[in-house]
mmCIF file of all heavy atoms, coordinates in Angstrom:
data_MODEL
# 
_entry.id   MODEL 
# 
loop_
_atom_site.group_PDB 
_atom_site.id 
_atom_site.type_symbol 
_atom_site.label_atom_id 
_atom_site.label_alt_id 
_atom_site.label_comp_id 
_atom_site.label_asym_id 
_atom_site.label_entity_id 
_atom_site.label_seq_id 
_atom_site.pdbx_PDB_ins_code 
_atom_site.Cartn_x 
_atom_site.Cartn_y 
_atom_site.Cartn_z 
_atom_site.occupancy 
_atom_site.B_iso_or_equiv 
_atom_site.pdbx_formal_charge 
_atom_site.auth_seq_id 
_atom_site.auth_comp_id 
_atom_site.auth_asym_id 
_atom_site.auth_atom_id 
_atom_site.pdbx_PDB_model_num 
ATOM 1   N N   . THR A 1 1  ? 11.761  -2.620  11.027 1.00 0.00 ? 1  THR A N   1 
ATOM 2   C CA  . THR A 1 1  ? 10.736  -2.227  12.023 1.00 0.00 ? 1  THR A CA  1 
ATOM 3   C C   . THR A 1 1  ? 9.359   -2.467  11.473 1.00 0.00 ? 1  THR A C   1 
ATOM 4   O O   . THR A 1 1  ? 8.721   -1.424  11.262 1.00 0.00 ? 1  THR A O   1 
ATOM 5   C CB  . THR A 1 1  ? 11.088  -0.763  12.398 1.00 0.00 ? 1  THR A CB  1 
ATOM 6   O OG1 . THR A 1 1  ? 11.161  0.042   11.212 1.00 0.00 ? 1  THR A OG1 1 
ATOM 7   C CG2 . THR A 1 1  ? 12.355  -0.676  13.228 1.00 0.00 ? 1  THR A CG2 1 
ATOM 8   N N   . GLU A 1 2  ? 8.979   -3.703  11.476 1.00 0.00 ? 2  GLU A N   1 
ATOM 9   C CA  . GLU A 1 2  ? 7.576   -3.992  11.035 1.00 0.00 ? 2  GLU A CA  1 
ATOM 10  C C   . GLU A 1 2  ? 6.847   -4.847  11.981 1.00 0.00 ? 2  GLU A C   1 
ATOM 11  O O   . GLU A 1 2  ? 7.483   -5.828  12.597 1.00 0.00 ? 2  GLU A O   1 
ATOM 12  C CB  . GLU A 1 2  ? 7.800   -4.795  9.613  1.00 0.00 ? 2  GLU A CB  1 
ATOM 13  C CG  . GLU A 1 2  ? 6.563   -5.285  9.018  1.00 0.00 ? 2  GLU A CG  1 
ATOM 14  C CD  . GLU A 1 2  ? 6.668   -6.083  7.724  1.00 0.00 ? 2  GLU A CD  1 
ATOM 15  O OE1 . GLU A 1 2  ? 7.815   -5.898  7.083  1.00 0.00 ? 2  GLU A OE1 1 
ATOM 16  O OE2 . GLU A 1 2  ? 5.939   -6.920  7.368  1.00 0.00 ? 2  GLU A OE2 1 
ATOM 17  N N   . THR A 1 3  ? 5.494   -4.437  12.203 1.00 0.00 ? 3  THR A N   1 
ATOM 18  C CA  . THR A 1 3  ? 4.750   -5.185  13.138 1.00 0.00 ? 3  THR A CA  1 
ATOM 19  C C   . THR A 1 3  ? 3.537   -5.851  12.463 1.00 0.00 ? 3  THR A C   1 
ATOM 20  O O   . THR A 1 3  ? 2.976   -5.103  11.619 1.00 0.00 ? 3  THR A O   1 
ATOM 21  C CB  . THR A 1 3  ? 4.278   -4.195  14.271 1.00 0.00 ? 3  THR A CB  1 
ATOM 22  O OG1 . THR A 1 3  ? 5.387   -3.584  14.859 1.00 0.00 ? 3  THR A OG1 1 
ATOM 23  C CG2 . THR A 1 3  ? 3.548   -4.968  15.345 1.00 0.00 ? 3  THR A CG2 1 
ATOM 24  N N   . LEU A 1 4  ? 3.234   -7.024  12.863 1.00 0.00 ? 4  LEU A N   1 
ATOM 25  C CA  . LEU A 1 4  ? 2.001   -7.680  12.239 1.00 0.00 ? 4  LEU A CA  1 
ATOM 26  C C   . LEU A 1 4  ? 0.895   -7.669  13.345 1.00 0.00 ? 4  LEU A C   1 
ATOM 27  O O   . LEU A 1 4  ? 1.055   -8.037  14.548 1.00 0.00 ? 4  LEU A O   1 
ATOM 28  C CB  . LEU A 1 4  ? 2.444   -9.138  11.909 1.00 0.00 ? 4  LEU A CB  1 
ATOM 29  C CG  . LEU A 1 4  ? 1.266   -10.025 11.458 1.00 0.00 ? 4  LEU A CG  1 
ATOM 30  C CD1 . LEU A 1 4  ? 0.730   -9.518  10.110 1.00 0.00 ? 4  LEU A CD1 1 
ATOM 31  C CD2 . LEU A 1 4  ? 1.751   -11.398 11.466 1.00 0.00 ? 4  LEU A CD2 1 
ATOM 32  N N   . ARG A 1 5  ? -0.247  -7.295  12.877 1.00 0.00 ? 5  ARG A N   1 
ATOM 33  C CA  . ARG A 1 5  ? -1.441  -7.324  13.651 1.00 0.00 ? 5  ARG A CA  1 
ATOM 34  C C   . ARG A 1 5  ? -2.687  -7.829  12.918 1.00 0.00 ? 5  ARG A C   1 
ATOM 35  O O   . ARG A 1 5  ? -2.631  -7.758  11.698 1.00 0.00 ? 5  ARG A O   1 
ATOM 36  C CB  . ARG A 1 5  ? -1.747  -5.904  14.194 1.00 0.00 ? 5  ARG A CB  1 
ATOM 37  C CG  . ARG A 1 5  ? -0.870  -5.372  15.361 1.00 0.00 ? 5  ARG A CG  1 
ATOM 38  C CD  . ARG A 1 5  ? -1.131  -6.121  16.704 1.00 0.00 ? 5  ARG A CD  1 
ATOM 39  N NE  . ARG A 1 5  ? -0.333  -5.410  17.676 1.00 0.00 ? 5  ARG A NE  1 
ATOM 40  C CZ  . ARG A 1 5  ? 0.968   -5.669  18.032 1.00 0.00 ? 5  ARG A CZ  1 
ATOM 41  N NH1 . ARG A 1 5  ? 1.565   -6.728  17.345 1.00 0.00 ? 5  ARG A NH1 1 
ATOM 42  N NH2 . ARG A 1 5  ? 1.573   -5.179  19.028 1.00 0.00 ? 5  ARG A NH2 1 
ATOM 43  N N   . PHE A 1 6  ? -3.659  -8.352  13.588 1.00 0.00 ? 6  PHE A N   1 
ATOM 44  C CA  . PHE A 1 6  ? -4.999  -8.701  13.029 1.00 0.00 ? 6  PHE A CA  1 
ATOM 45  C C   . PHE A 1 6  ? -5.981  -7.781  13.619 1.00 0.00 ? 6  PHE A C   1 
ATOM 46  O O   . PHE A 1 6  ? -6.051  -7.704  14.982 1.00 0.00 ? 6  PHE A O   1 
ATOM 47  C CB  . PHE A 1 6  ? -5.272  -10.092 13.274 1.00 0.00 ? 6  PHE A CB  1 
ATOM 48  C CG  . PHE A 1 6  ? -4.510  -11.149 12.553 1.00 0.00 ? 6  PHE A CG  1 
ATOM 49  C CD1 . PHE A 1 6  ? -3.370  -11.804 13.108 1.00 0.00 ? 6  PHE A CD1 1 
ATOM 50  C CD2 . PHE A 1 6  ? -4.788  -11.489 11.195 1.00 0.00 ? 6  PHE A CD2 1 
ATOM 51  C CE1 . PHE A 1 6  ? -2.603  -12.681 12.510 1.00 0.00 ? 6  PHE A CE1 1 
ATOM 52  C CE2 . PHE A 1 6  ? -4.024  -12.354 10.557 1.00 0.00 ? 6  PHE A CE2 1 
ATOM 53  C CZ  . PHE A 1 6  ? -3.031  -13.072 11.206 1.00 0.00 ? 6  PHE A CZ  1 
ATOM 54  N N   . THR A 1 7  ? -6.894  -7.148  12.876 1.00 0.00 ? 7  THR A N   1 
ATOM 55  C CA  . THR A 1 7  ? -8.066  -6.491  13.328 1.00 0.00 ? 7  THR A CA  1 
ATOM 56  C C   . THR A 1 7  ? -9.277  -7.066  12.763 1.00 0.00 ? 7  THR A C   1 
ATOM 57  O O   . THR A 1 7  ? -10.443 -6.473  12.964 1.00 0.00 ? 7  THR A O   1 
ATOM 58  C CB  . THR A 1 7  ? -8.002  -5.000  13.136 1.00 0.00 ? 7  THR A CB  1 
ATOM 59  O OG1 . THR A 1 7  ? -7.774  -4.786  11.733 1.00 0.00 ? 7  THR A OG1 1 
ATOM 60  C CG2 . THR A 1 7  ? -6.953  -4.332  13.992 1.00 0.00 ? 7  THR A CG2 1 
ATOM 61  N N   . THR A 1 8  ? -9.146  -8.147  12.015 1.00 0.00 ? 8  THR A N   1 
ATOM 62  C CA  . THR A 1 8  ? -10.339 -8.902  11.425 1.00 0.00 ? 8  THR A CA  1 
ATOM 63  C C   . THR A 1 8  ? -10.216 -10.380 11.756 1.00 0.00 ? 8  THR A C   1 
ATOM 64  O O   . THR A 1 8  ? -9.107  -10.980 11.679 1.00 0.00 ? 8  THR A O   1 
ATOM 65  C CB  . THR A 1 8  ? -10.321 -8.679  9.896  1.00 0.00 ? 8  THR A CB  1 
ATOM 66  O OG1 . THR A 1 8  ? -10.275 -7.294  9.577  1.00 0.00 ? 8  THR A OG1 1 
ATOM 67  C CG2 . THR A 1 8  ? -11.625 -9.214  9.306  1.00 0.00 ? 8  THR A CG2 1 
ATOM 68  N N   . ALA A 1 9  ? -11.331 -11.087 12.070 1.00 0.00 ? 9  ALA A N   1 
ATOM 69  C CA  . ALA A 1 9  ? -11.357 -12.389 12.328 1.00 0.00 ? 9  ALA A CA  1 
ATOM 70  C C   . ALA A 1 9  ? -12.493 -13.153 11.710 1.00 0.00 ? 9  ALA A C   1 
ATOM 71  O O   . ALA A 1 9  ? -13.620 -12.507 11.470 1.00 0.00 ? 9  ALA A O   1 
ATOM 72  C CB  . ALA A 1 9  ? -11.422 -12.589 13.864 1.00 0.00 ? 9  ALA A CB  1 
ATOM 73  N N   . ILE A 1 10 ? -12.227 -14.378 11.276 1.00 0.00 ? 10 ILE A N   1 
ATOM 74  C CA  . ILE A 1 10 ? -13.292 -15.222 10.821 1.00 0.00 ? 10 ILE A CA  1 
ATOM 75  C C   . ILE A 1 10 ? -13.733 -16.045 11.979 1.00 0.00 ? 10 ILE A C   1 
ATOM 76  O O   . ILE A 1 10 ? -12.996 -16.880 12.440 1.00 0.00 ? 10 ILE A O   1 
ATOM 77  C CB  . ILE A 1 10 ? -12.803 -16.172 9.575  1.00 0.00 ? 10 ILE A CB  1 
ATOM 78  C CG1 . ILE A 1 10 ? -12.178 -15.213 8.469  1.00 0.00 ? 10 ILE A CG1 1 
ATOM 79  C CG2 . ILE A 1 10 ? -13.891 -16.998 9.035  1.00 0.00 ? 10 ILE A CG2 1 
ATOM 80  C CD1 . ILE A 1 10 ? -11.285 -16.030 7.616  1.00 0.00 ? 10 ILE A CD1 1 
ATOM 81  N N   . SER A 1 11 ? -14.915 -15.829 12.480 1.00 0.00 ? 11 SER A N   1 
ATOM 82  C CA  . SER A 1 11 ? -15.225 -16.195 13.877 1.00 0.00 ? 11 SER A CA  1 
ATOM 83  C C   . SER A 1 11 ? -16.656 -16.960 13.856 1.00 0.00 ? 11 SER A C   1 
ATOM 84  O O   . SER A 1 11 ? -17.390 -17.012 12.954 1.00 0.00 ? 11 SER A O   1 
ATOM 85  C CB  . SER A 1 11 ? -15.237 -15.054 14.798 1.00 0.00 ? 11 SER A CB  1 
ATOM 86  O OG  . SER A 1 11 ? -16.288 -14.230 14.549 1.00 0.00 ? 11 SER A OG  1 
ATOM 87  N N   . THR A 1 12 ? -16.959 -17.232 15.180 1.00 0.00 ? 12 THR A N   1 
ATOM 88  C CA  . THR A 1 12 ? -18.301 -17.819 15.508 1.00 0.00 ? 12 THR A CA  1 
ATOM 89  C C   . THR A 1 12 ? -19.377 -16.678 15.172 1.00 0.00 ? 12 THR A C   1 
ATOM 90  O O   . THR A 1 12 ? -20.547 -17.146 15.036 1.00 0.00 ? 12 THR A O   1 
ATOM 91  C CB  . THR A 1 12 ? -18.359 -18.344 16.837 1.00 0.00 ? 12 THR A CB  1 
ATOM 92  O OG1 . THR A 1 12 ? -18.171 -17.235 17.778 1.00 0.00 ? 12 THR A OG1 1 
ATOM 93  C CG2 . THR A 1 12 ? -17.465 -19.463 17.167 1.00 0.00 ? 12 THR A CG2 1 
ATOM 94  N N   . ALA A 1 13 ? -19.082 -15.538 15.112 1.00 0.00 ? 13 ALA A N   1 
ATOM 95  C CA  . ALA A 1 13 ? -19.939 -14.424 14.948 1.00 0.00 ? 13 ALA A CA  1 
ATOM 96  C C   . ALA A 1 13 ? -19.897 -13.894 13.565 1.00 0.00 ? 13 ALA A C   1 
ATOM 97  O O   . ALA A 1 13 ? -20.410 -12.799 13.139 1.00 0.00 ? 13 ALA A O   1 
ATOM 98  C CB  . ALA A 1 13 ? -19.688 -13.241 15.910 1.00 0.00 ? 13 ALA A CB  1 
ATOM 99  N N   . GLY A 1 14 ? -19.288 -14.701 12.618 1.00 0.00 ? 14 GLY A N   1 
ATOM 100 C CA  . GLY A 1 14 ? -19.071 -14.266 11.256 1.00 0.00 ? 14 GLY A CA  1 
ATOM 101 C C   . GLY A 1 14 ? -17.777 -13.594 11.001 1.00 0.00 ? 14 GLY A C   1 
ATOM 102 O O   . GLY A 1 14 ? -16.779 -13.836 11.910 1.00 0.00 ? 14 GLY A O   1 
ATOM 103 N N   . ILE A 1 15 ? -17.615 -12.750 9.999  1.00 0.00 ? 15 ILE A N   1 
ATOM 104 C CA  . ILE A 1 15 ? -16.431 -11.987 9.850  1.00 0.00 ? 15 ILE A CA  1 
ATOM 105 C C   . ILE A 1 15 ? -16.583 -10.698 10.604 1.00 0.00 ? 15 ILE A C   1 
ATOM 106 O O   . ILE A 1 15 ? -17.403 -9.865  10.427 1.00 0.00 ? 15 ILE A O   1 
ATOM 107 C CB  . ILE A 1 15 ? -16.190 -11.755 8.293  1.00 0.00 ? 15 ILE A CB  1 
ATOM 108 C CG1 . ILE A 1 15 ? -16.003 -13.040 7.656  1.00 0.00 ? 15 ILE A CG1 1 
ATOM 109 C CG2 . ILE A 1 15 ? -15.021 -10.811 8.101  1.00 0.00 ? 15 ILE A CG2 1 
ATOM 110 C CD1 . ILE A 1 15 ? -15.850 -12.865 6.153  1.00 0.00 ? 15 ILE A CD1 1 
ATOM 111 N N   . VAL A 1 16 ? -15.612 -10.548 11.615 1.00 0.00 ? 16 VAL A N   1 
ATOM 112 C CA  . VAL A 1 16 ? -15.696 -9.396  12.502 1.00 0.00 ? 16 VAL A CA  1 
ATOM 113 C C   . VAL A 1 16 ? -14.500 -8.556  12.381 1.00 0.00 ? 16 VAL A C   1 
ATOM 114 O O   . VAL A 1 16 ? -13.391 -8.972  12.298 1.00 0.00 ? 16 VAL A O   1 
ATOM 115 C CB  . VAL A 1 16 ? -15.843 -9.874  14.077 1.00 0.00 ? 16 VAL A CB  1 
ATOM 116 C CG1 . VAL A 1 16 ? -15.713 -8.622  14.957 1.00 0.00 ? 16 VAL A CG1 1 
ATOM 117 C CG2 . VAL A 1 16 ? -17.086 -10.699 14.293 1.00 0.00 ? 16 VAL A CG2 1 
ATOM 118 N N   . HIS A 1 17 ? -14.737 -7.244  12.082 1.00 0.00 ? 17 HIS A N   1 
ATOM 119 C CA  . HIS A 1 17 ? -13.643 -6.291  11.944 1.00 0.00 ? 17 HIS A CA  1 
ATOM 120 C C   . HIS A 1 17 ? -13.694 -5.311  13.084 1.00 0.00 ? 17 HIS A C   1 
ATOM 121 O O   . HIS A 1 17 ? -14.674 -4.683  13.389 1.00 0.00 ? 17 HIS A O   1 
ATOM 122 C CB  . HIS A 1 17 ? -13.851 -5.463  10.587 1.00 0.00 ? 17 HIS A CB  1 
ATOM 123 C CG  . HIS A 1 17 ? -12.720 -4.402  10.407 1.00 0.00 ? 17 HIS A CG  1 
ATOM 124 N ND1 . HIS A 1 17 ? -11.432 -4.787  10.180 1.00 0.00 ? 17 HIS A ND1 1 
ATOM 125 C CD2 . HIS A 1 17 ? -12.835 -3.106  10.465 1.00 0.00 ? 17 HIS A CD2 1 
ATOM 126 C CE1 . HIS A 1 17 ? -10.725 -3.650  9.991  1.00 0.00 ? 17 HIS A CE1 1 
ATOM 127 N NE2 . HIS A 1 17 ? -11.572 -2.647  10.153 1.00 0.00 ? 17 HIS A NE2 1 
ATOM 128 N N   . LEU A 1 18 ? -12.559 -5.041  13.716 1.00 0.00 ? 18 LEU A N   1 
ATOM 129 C CA  . LEU A 1 18 ? -12.343 -4.118  14.795 1.00 0.00 ? 18 LEU A CA  1 
ATOM 130 C C   . LEU A 1 18 ? -11.762 -2.777  14.239 1.00 0.00 ? 18 LEU A C   1 
ATOM 131 O O   . LEU A 1 18 ? -10.804 -2.808  13.338 1.00 0.00 ? 18 LEU A O   1 
ATOM 132 C CB  . LEU A 1 18 ? -11.393 -4.559  15.838 1.00 0.00 ? 18 LEU A CB  1 
ATOM 133 C CG  . LEU A 1 18 ? -11.717 -5.944  16.439 1.00 0.00 ? 18 LEU A CG  1 
ATOM 134 C CD1 . LEU A 1 18 ? -10.463 -6.444  17.373 1.00 0.00 ? 18 LEU A CD1 1 
ATOM 135 C CD2 . LEU A 1 18 ? -12.962 -5.899  17.299 1.00 0.00 ? 18 LEU A CD2 1 
ATOM 136 N N   . PRO A 1 19 ? -12.289 -1.612  14.507 1.00 0.00 ? 19 PRO A N   1 
ATOM 137 C CA  . PRO A 1 19 ? -11.950 -0.427  13.839 1.00 0.00 ? 19 PRO A CA  1 
ATOM 138 C C   . PRO A 1 19 ? -10.730 0.157   14.642 1.00 0.00 ? 19 PRO A C   1 
ATOM 139 O O   . PRO A 1 19 ? -10.598 1.351   14.614 1.00 0.00 ? 19 PRO A O   1 
ATOM 140 C CB  . PRO A 1 19 ? -13.096 0.472   14.022 1.00 0.00 ? 19 PRO A CB  1 
ATOM 141 C CG  . PRO A 1 19 ? -13.752 0.012   15.328 1.00 0.00 ? 19 PRO A CG  1 
ATOM 142 C CD  . PRO A 1 19 ? -13.562 -1.470  15.346 1.00 0.00 ? 19 PRO A CD  1 
ATOM 143 N N   . THR A 1 20 ? -9.886  -0.604  15.211 1.00 0.00 ? 20 THR A N   1 
ATOM 144 C CA  . THR A 1 20 ? -8.777  -0.150  16.042 1.00 0.00 ? 20 THR A CA  1 
ATOM 145 C C   . THR A 1 20 ? -7.856  0.739   15.139 1.00 0.00 ? 20 THR A C   1 
ATOM 146 O O   . THR A 1 20 ? -7.443  1.807   15.655 1.00 0.00 ? 20 THR A O   1 
ATOM 147 C CB  . THR A 1 20 ? -7.971  -1.369  16.515 1.00 0.00 ? 20 THR A CB  1 
ATOM 148 O OG1 . THR A 1 20 ? -8.827  -2.301  17.259 1.00 0.00 ? 20 THR A OG1 1 
ATOM 149 C CG2 . THR A 1 20 ? -6.881  -0.906  17.453 1.00 0.00 ? 20 THR A CG2 1 
ATOM 150 N N   . ALA A 1 21 ? -7.511  0.360   14.047 1.00 0.00 ? 21 ALA A N   1 
ATOM 151 C CA  . ALA A 1 21 ? -6.481  1.047   13.308 1.00 0.00 ? 21 ALA A CA  1 
ATOM 152 C C   . ALA A 1 21 ? -7.121  2.398   12.854 1.00 0.00 ? 21 ALA A C   1 
ATOM 153 O O   . ALA A 1 21 ? -6.467  3.406   12.773 1.00 0.00 ? 21 ALA A O   1 
ATOM 154 C CB  . ALA A 1 21 ? -6.066  0.197   12.053 1.00 0.00 ? 21 ALA A CB  1 
ATOM 155 N N   . GLU A 1 22 ? -8.380  2.316   12.387 1.00 0.00 ? 22 GLU A N   1 
ATOM 156 C CA  . GLU A 1 22 ? -9.054  3.497   11.984 1.00 0.00 ? 22 GLU A CA  1 
ATOM 157 C C   . GLU A 1 22 ? -9.107  4.611   12.996 1.00 0.00 ? 22 GLU A C   1 
ATOM 158 O O   . GLU A 1 22 ? -9.037  5.795   12.827 1.00 0.00 ? 22 GLU A O   1 
ATOM 159 C CB  . GLU A 1 22 ? -10.379 3.085   11.429 1.00 0.00 ? 22 GLU A CB  1 
ATOM 160 C CG  . GLU A 1 22 ? -10.480 2.236   10.080 1.00 0.00 ? 22 GLU A CG  1 
ATOM 161 C CD  . GLU A 1 22 ? -10.429 0.716   10.416 1.00 0.00 ? 22 GLU A CD  1 
ATOM 162 O OE1 . GLU A 1 22 ? -9.777  0.362   11.361 1.00 0.00 ? 22 GLU A OE1 1 
ATOM 163 O OE2 . GLU A 1 22 ? -11.132 0.128   9.661  1.00 0.00 ? 22 GLU A OE2 1 
ATOM 164 N N   . LEU A 1 23 ? -9.395  4.148   14.219 1.00 0.00 ? 23 LEU A N   1 
ATOM 165 C CA  . LEU A 1 23 ? -9.424  5.020   15.354 1.00 0.00 ? 23 LEU A CA  1 
ATOM 166 C C   . LEU A 1 23 ? -8.186  5.616   15.847 1.00 0.00 ? 23 LEU A C   1 
ATOM 167 O O   . LEU A 1 23 ? -8.039  6.709   16.344 1.00 0.00 ? 23 LEU A O   1 
ATOM 168 C CB  . LEU A 1 23 ? -10.097 4.360   16.516 1.00 0.00 ? 23 LEU A CB  1 
ATOM 169 C CG  . LEU A 1 23 ? -11.547 3.895   16.361 1.00 0.00 ? 23 LEU A CG  1 
ATOM 170 C CD1 . LEU A 1 23 ? -12.107 3.154   17.469 1.00 0.00 ? 23 LEU A CD1 1 
ATOM 171 C CD2 . LEU A 1 23 ? -12.625 5.182   16.148 1.00 0.00 ? 23 LEU A CD2 1 
ATOM 172 N N   . LEU A 1 24 ? -7.053  4.854   15.689 1.00 0.00 ? 24 LEU A N   1 
ATOM 173 C CA  . LEU A 1 24 ? -5.763  5.232   16.061 1.00 0.00 ? 24 LEU A CA  1 
ATOM 174 C C   . LEU A 1 24 ? -5.154  6.263   14.973 1.00 0.00 ? 24 LEU A C   1 
ATOM 175 O O   . LEU A 1 24 ? -4.366  7.145   15.509 1.00 0.00 ? 24 LEU A O   1 
ATOM 176 C CB  . LEU A 1 24 ? -4.881  4.120   16.236 1.00 0.00 ? 24 LEU A CB  1 
ATOM 177 C CG  . LEU A 1 24 ? -5.027  3.104   17.435 1.00 0.00 ? 24 LEU A CG  1 
ATOM 178 C CD1 . LEU A 1 24 ? -4.110  1.947   17.328 1.00 0.00 ? 24 LEU A CD1 1 
ATOM 179 C CD2 . LEU A 1 24 ? -4.766  3.925   18.677 1.00 0.00 ? 24 LEU A CD2 1 
ATOM 180 N N   . ALA A 1 25 ? -5.494  6.137   13.767 1.00 0.00 ? 25 ALA A N   1 
ATOM 181 C CA  . ALA A 1 25 ? -4.872  6.940   12.711 1.00 0.00 ? 25 ALA A CA  1 
ATOM 182 C C   . ALA A 1 25 ? -5.280  8.429   12.782 1.00 0.00 ? 25 ALA A C   1 
ATOM 183 O O   . ALA A 1 25 ? -6.471  8.773   13.197 1.00 0.00 ? 25 ALA A O   1 
ATOM 184 C CB  . ALA A 1 25 ? -5.214  6.367   11.373 1.00 0.00 ? 25 ALA A CB  1 
# 
């Protein structure tokens, strides 16, 4: 029972991190 997610991307706006996990915890 393991799920893979990305909350960080190497993008046109640089390295972008979403605080999704931090807010859910």
